Protein backbone atom coordinates (compact mmCIF):
# COMPACT_ATOMS: atom_id res chain seq x y z
CA UNK A 1 -35.30 -62.86 -19.21
CA UNK A 2 -34.51 -60.54 -15.95
CA UNK A 3 -34.81 -56.71 -16.67
CA UNK A 4 -30.84 -56.12 -16.62
CA UNK A 5 -30.70 -58.52 -19.82
CA UNK A 6 -33.00 -56.03 -21.23
CA UNK A 7 -31.09 -52.87 -20.54
CA UNK A 8 -29.44 -51.11 -23.13
CA UNK A 9 -25.74 -50.48 -22.80
CA UNK A 10 -23.92 -47.61 -22.13
CA UNK A 11 -23.31 -45.52 -25.77
CA UNK A 12 -20.57 -43.11 -26.39
CA UNK A 13 -22.03 -39.88 -26.95
CA UNK A 14 -22.90 -38.84 -30.66
CA UNK A 15 -19.87 -37.24 -32.23
CA UNK A 16 -20.40 -33.44 -33.37
CA UNK A 17 -21.38 -32.08 -36.50
CA UNK A 18 -18.86 -31.37 -38.33
CA UNK A 19 -19.01 -27.51 -39.27
CA UNK A 20 -18.86 -26.56 -42.97
CA UNK A 21 -16.04 -24.87 -44.21
CA UNK A 22 -17.67 -21.22 -45.00
CA UNK A 23 -15.70 -18.19 -46.75
CA UNK A 24 -15.94 -16.38 -43.15
CA UNK A 25 -14.08 -19.34 -41.15
CA UNK A 26 -11.28 -19.18 -44.76
CA UNK A 27 -11.17 -14.92 -44.10
CA UNK A 28 -10.61 -15.76 -40.42
CA UNK A 29 -7.93 -18.03 -40.89
CA UNK A 30 -6.35 -16.15 -43.18
CA UNK A 31 -6.28 -12.92 -40.70
CA UNK A 32 -5.03 -14.75 -38.25
CA UNK A 33 -2.59 -16.06 -40.21
CA UNK A 34 -1.43 -12.37 -41.57
CA UNK A 35 -1.54 -11.09 -37.51
CA UNK A 36 0.65 -14.00 -36.38
CA UNK A 37 3.15 -13.29 -39.20
CA UNK A 38 3.33 -9.47 -38.25
CA UNK A 39 3.69 -10.28 -34.50
CA UNK A 40 6.73 -12.73 -35.07
CA UNK A 41 8.06 -10.08 -37.72
CA UNK A 42 8.08 -7.28 -35.41
CA UNK A 43 9.37 -10.00 -32.47
CA UNK A 44 11.98 -11.10 -35.19
CA UNK A 45 13.17 -7.29 -36.02
CA UNK A 46 13.02 -6.22 -32.18
CA UNK A 47 15.30 -8.87 -31.56
CA UNK A 48 17.88 -7.92 -34.46
CA UNK A 49 17.68 -3.99 -33.63
CA UNK A 50 18.15 -4.65 -29.66
CA UNK A 51 20.53 -2.14 -28.71
CA UNK A 52 21.56 -2.12 -24.85
CA UNK A 53 22.82 1.02 -24.74
CA UNK A 54 19.56 2.89 -25.71
CA UNK A 55 17.73 0.27 -23.46
CA UNK A 56 20.09 1.40 -20.48
CA UNK A 57 19.62 4.99 -21.67
CA UNK A 58 15.75 5.34 -21.73
CA UNK A 59 14.50 2.17 -20.43
CA UNK A 60 14.29 4.03 -16.63
CA UNK A 61 13.25 7.31 -18.32
CA UNK A 62 10.11 4.89 -19.80
CA UNK A 63 9.30 3.46 -16.08
CA UNK A 64 9.44 6.91 -14.66
CA UNK A 65 6.37 7.97 -17.01
CA UNK A 66 5.08 4.85 -16.51
CA UNK A 67 5.06 5.99 -13.13
CA UNK A 68 3.65 9.26 -14.19
CA UNK A 69 0.67 7.37 -15.94
CA UNK A 70 0.06 5.36 -13.13
CA UNK A 71 -0.54 8.41 -10.66
CA UNK A 72 -2.58 9.95 -13.14
CA UNK A 73 -4.83 7.54 -13.82
CA UNK A 74 -5.31 6.24 -9.87
CA UNK A 75 -6.05 9.99 -8.95
CA UNK A 76 -8.30 10.69 -11.53
CA UNK A 77 -10.15 7.69 -11.04
CA UNK A 78 -10.31 8.05 -7.00
CA UNK A 79 -11.61 12.07 -7.04
CA UNK A 80 -13.83 10.52 -10.05
CA UNK A 81 -15.31 7.90 -7.94
CA UNK A 82 -16.08 10.77 -5.72
CA UNK A 83 -17.50 12.98 -7.63
CA UNK A 84 -19.86 10.25 -9.41
CA UNK A 85 -21.98 9.48 -6.42
CA UNK A 86 -24.03 12.78 -6.60
CA UNK A 87 -24.14 12.93 -10.28
CA UNK A 88 -25.54 9.29 -10.11
CA UNK A 89 -28.08 10.11 -7.51
CA UNK A 90 -28.70 13.36 -9.68
CA UNK A 91 -29.54 11.32 -12.53
CA UNK A 92 -32.26 9.32 -10.39
CA UNK A 93 -33.65 12.18 -8.60
CA UNK A 94 -37.08 13.29 -9.19
CA UNK A 95 -36.04 16.95 -8.57
CA UNK A 96 -35.76 18.31 -12.17
CA UNK A 97 -32.93 20.61 -11.34
CA UNK A 98 -30.44 17.93 -9.84
CA UNK A 99 -31.97 15.61 -12.92
CA UNK A 100 -31.45 18.03 -15.84
CA UNK A 101 -27.91 19.23 -14.35
CA UNK A 102 -26.34 15.86 -13.85
CA UNK A 103 -28.17 14.88 -17.35
CA UNK A 104 -26.64 17.16 -19.42
CA UNK A 105 -22.90 17.02 -17.39
CA UNK A 106 -22.98 13.66 -18.04
CA UNK A 107 -24.06 13.79 -21.73
CA UNK A 108 -21.51 16.26 -22.48
CA UNK A 109 -18.22 14.31 -20.92
CA UNK A 110 -19.67 10.66 -22.64
CA UNK A 111 -20.71 12.46 -26.08
CA UNK A 112 -17.20 14.24 -26.78
CA UNK A 113 -13.65 13.10 -27.06
CA UNK A 114 -11.59 13.13 -24.22
CA UNK A 115 -8.44 15.05 -26.23
CA UNK A 116 -11.32 17.64 -26.55
CA UNK A 117 -11.71 18.05 -23.52
CA UNK A 118 -8.21 17.85 -22.16
CA UNK A 119 -7.54 20.84 -24.60
CA UNK A 120 -11.04 22.96 -23.25
CA UNK A 121 -9.16 22.99 -20.06
CA UNK A 122 -5.68 23.29 -20.80
CA UNK A 123 -5.98 25.79 -23.70
CA UNK A 124 -9.36 27.01 -23.05
CA UNK A 125 -8.91 27.96 -19.45
CA UNK A 126 -5.35 28.84 -19.54
CA UNK A 127 -6.66 31.97 -22.22
CA UNK A 128 -8.30 33.31 -18.79
CA UNK A 129 -4.73 34.14 -16.91
CA UNK A 130 -5.67 37.22 -15.86
CA UNK A 131 -9.37 35.84 -13.94
CA UNK A 132 -7.55 32.80 -12.56
CA UNK A 133 -4.75 35.01 -11.05
CA UNK A 134 -7.32 37.07 -9.64
CA UNK A 135 -8.76 34.28 -7.64
CA UNK A 136 -5.81 32.51 -6.72
CA UNK A 137 -6.06 29.45 -9.49
CA UNK A 138 -3.41 30.22 -12.00
CA UNK A 139 -0.76 28.35 -9.93
CA UNK A 140 -3.50 24.82 -10.84
CA UNK A 141 -4.52 25.50 -14.41
CA UNK A 142 -0.62 26.89 -15.65
CA UNK A 143 0.50 23.26 -15.48
CA UNK A 144 -0.41 20.74 -17.81
CA UNK A 145 -0.25 17.68 -15.19
CA UNK A 146 -2.87 19.28 -13.21
CA UNK A 147 -4.82 20.20 -15.88
CA UNK A 148 -5.01 16.46 -17.33
CA UNK A 149 -5.81 15.60 -13.87
CA UNK A 150 -8.74 17.49 -13.86
CA UNK A 151 -10.15 16.76 -17.41
CA UNK A 152 -9.37 13.10 -16.66
CA UNK A 153 -11.59 13.18 -13.47
CA UNK A 154 -14.25 14.93 -14.83
CA UNK A 155 -14.29 12.53 -17.86
CA UNK A 156 -14.38 9.21 -15.58
CA UNK A 157 -16.99 10.93 -13.35
CA UNK A 158 -19.10 10.80 -15.97
CA UNK A 159 -18.83 7.11 -17.14
CA UNK A 160 -18.41 6.32 -13.31
CA UNK A 161 -21.93 7.59 -12.87
CA UNK A 162 -23.54 5.95 -15.39
CA UNK A 163 -21.88 2.73 -14.42
CA UNK A 164 -22.74 3.31 -10.64
CA UNK A 165 -26.58 4.61 -11.72
CA UNK A 166 -27.23 1.70 -13.89
CA UNK A 167 -26.19 -0.97 -10.99
CA UNK A 168 -28.25 0.69 -8.31
CA UNK A 169 -31.11 0.50 -11.02
CA UNK A 170 -30.53 -3.02 -11.74
CA UNK A 171 -31.06 -4.47 -7.73
CA UNK A 172 -34.62 -5.68 -8.08
CA UNK A 173 -37.25 -3.65 -6.25
CA UNK A 174 -38.22 -6.25 -3.91
CA UNK A 175 -34.87 -5.93 -1.77
CA UNK A 176 -35.58 -2.26 -0.67
CA UNK A 177 -39.38 -3.43 -0.08
CA UNK A 178 -38.11 -6.47 1.72
CA UNK A 179 -35.71 -4.06 3.82
CA UNK A 180 -38.75 -1.91 4.42
CA UNK A 181 -41.00 -4.68 5.80
CA UNK A 182 -38.30 -5.45 8.16
CA UNK A 183 -38.56 -1.89 9.65
CA UNK A 184 -35.01 -0.90 8.25
CA UNK A 185 -34.66 2.85 7.31
CA UNK A 186 -34.04 3.88 3.91
CA UNK A 187 -30.18 4.70 4.51
CA UNK A 188 -29.77 1.43 6.28
CA UNK A 189 -31.34 -0.64 3.65
CA UNK A 190 -29.46 1.39 0.81
CA UNK A 191 -26.47 1.14 2.65
CA UNK A 192 -26.12 -2.71 3.47
CA UNK A 193 -28.79 -4.28 1.04
CA UNK A 194 -29.02 -1.99 -2.18
CA UNK A 195 -25.15 -1.16 -2.30
CA UNK A 196 -23.13 -4.06 -1.75
CA UNK A 197 -25.50 -6.10 -4.54
CA UNK A 198 -24.91 -2.79 -6.77
CA UNK A 199 -21.03 -2.80 -6.48
CA UNK A 200 -20.91 -6.26 -7.66
CA UNK A 201 -23.11 -5.78 -10.71
CA UNK A 202 -20.63 -2.54 -11.37
CA UNK A 203 -17.54 -4.25 -10.57
CA UNK A 204 -16.29 -5.56 -14.38
CA UNK A 205 -17.58 -2.04 -15.72
CA UNK A 206 -15.42 -0.35 -13.64
CA UNK A 207 -12.43 -2.82 -14.36
CA UNK A 208 -12.99 -1.66 -18.02
CA UNK A 209 -13.32 2.12 -17.11
CA UNK A 210 -9.54 1.57 -15.38
CA UNK A 211 -8.11 -0.12 -17.91
CA UNK A 212 -9.80 2.99 -21.05
CA UNK A 213 -8.53 5.34 -18.90
CA UNK A 214 -4.89 3.69 -18.54
CA UNK A 215 -4.88 3.32 -22.65
CA UNK A 216 -6.50 6.85 -23.27
CA UNK A 217 -3.89 8.82 -20.52
CA UNK A 218 -1.58 8.70 -23.85
CA UNK A 219 -2.78 11.79 -24.88
CA UNK A 220 -1.66 13.81 -22.17
CA UNK A 221 1.98 13.41 -24.17
CA UNK A 222 0.23 16.13 -26.33
CA UNK A 223 -0.06 18.68 -23.67
CA UNK A 224 3.94 18.51 -22.51
CA UNK A 225 3.22 15.74 -19.69
CA UNK A 226 6.03 13.26 -19.64
CA UNK A 227 4.00 9.91 -19.09
CA UNK A 228 4.74 6.74 -20.43
CA UNK A 229 4.01 8.35 -24.10
CA UNK A 230 5.57 11.37 -23.66
CA UNK A 231 8.97 9.54 -22.47
CA UNK A 232 8.70 7.40 -25.40
CA UNK A 233 8.05 10.31 -27.88
CA UNK A 234 11.42 12.43 -26.26
CA UNK A 235 13.46 8.93 -26.87
CA UNK A 236 12.22 8.46 -30.54
CA UNK A 237 13.02 12.33 -31.78
CA UNK A 238 16.47 11.74 -30.22
CA UNK A 239 16.94 8.03 -31.36
CA UNK A 240 14.72 7.74 -34.60
CA UNK A 241 14.43 4.07 -33.29
CA UNK A 242 10.95 2.58 -33.59
CA UNK A 243 11.60 0.22 -30.76
CA UNK A 244 10.77 2.80 -28.18
CA UNK A 245 7.41 2.28 -29.21
CA UNK A 246 7.60 -0.75 -29.07
CA UNK A 247 8.31 -0.79 -25.55
CA UNK A 248 6.00 1.58 -24.75
CA UNK A 249 3.31 -0.59 -25.96
CA UNK A 250 4.53 -3.74 -24.27
CA UNK A 251 4.48 -1.96 -20.78
CA UNK A 252 0.81 -0.65 -21.51
CA UNK A 253 0.07 -4.32 -22.36
CA UNK A 254 1.91 -5.64 -18.84
CA UNK A 255 0.10 -2.97 -16.90
CA UNK A 256 -3.23 -3.91 -18.68
CA UNK A 257 -2.88 -7.70 -18.27
CA UNK A 258 -1.69 -7.56 -14.56
CA UNK A 259 -5.00 -5.31 -13.84
CA UNK A 260 -7.73 -7.46 -15.87
CA UNK A 261 -6.28 -10.72 -14.12
CA UNK A 262 -6.34 -8.73 -10.44
CA UNK A 263 -9.74 -7.92 -11.29
CA UNK A 264 -10.95 -10.97 -12.36
CA UNK A 265 -9.35 -12.68 -9.09
CA UNK A 266 -11.21 -9.97 -7.00
CA UNK A 267 -14.82 -10.64 -8.71
CA UNK A 268 -14.61 -13.98 -8.10
CA UNK A 269 -13.78 -13.72 -4.10
CA UNK A 270 -16.50 -10.99 -4.32
CA UNK A 271 -19.00 -13.07 -6.17
CA UNK A 272 -17.92 -16.25 -4.72
CA UNK A 273 -21.24 -16.93 -2.65
CA UNK A 274 -22.85 -16.92 -6.24
CA UNK A 275 -21.32 -19.77 -7.40
CA UNK A 276 -23.10 -22.83 -7.15
């Protein structure tokens, strides 16, 4: 008998063990059914109550508010990124003054609600009109849009500082030691070796922070900024039609989904050298 005759024929993989139908799975199916039914009901109600006249009248205003939202979030993310760099280095500094100053800043803005921070800027600093007018800053703090921009910038700077600090500290120490052994200066090794690796680690948290800022920006409608939610509230106050909020939710969902997919493409592009 030859060796080939004694070989075992290829066998099909063993079937997967059947998962027991537990109470948790049953509850999950029930909740999923409830959400699907609610979604179908909302879609049917929106279709039956569709009003072309309202859509033509208030649709452009909602898009205008969406532009205000995107502008506000984009500028606050950009300014917050610049402010987060010294904060991140302060958090990693051995200087006790720089460390504790940045620590208190990050602790406060990450530990308090953003709506409280917005009220402190808009209502709190706005109560010092004579002092602000004396130094020529009242033109800034009398505008709700500028106050919202300042509050959002200060808030996202704290989160971005922690993202950047964690990403830098996640790079193995051997990278900087290897750069030093090659005779590279600390500045060159940080800019060319440490920072690129850190930014790849921080890419996904940065995307999450932008998405959270887009959704959190809806609170500026409280201080009379006519962003997407502000225009939606004004449209609802005139029509008393809940579909205004439904359209606003779809716009928020569309922006978040576009940003999520763009960030996925960017992450895949920048990390293609890491895939095997």
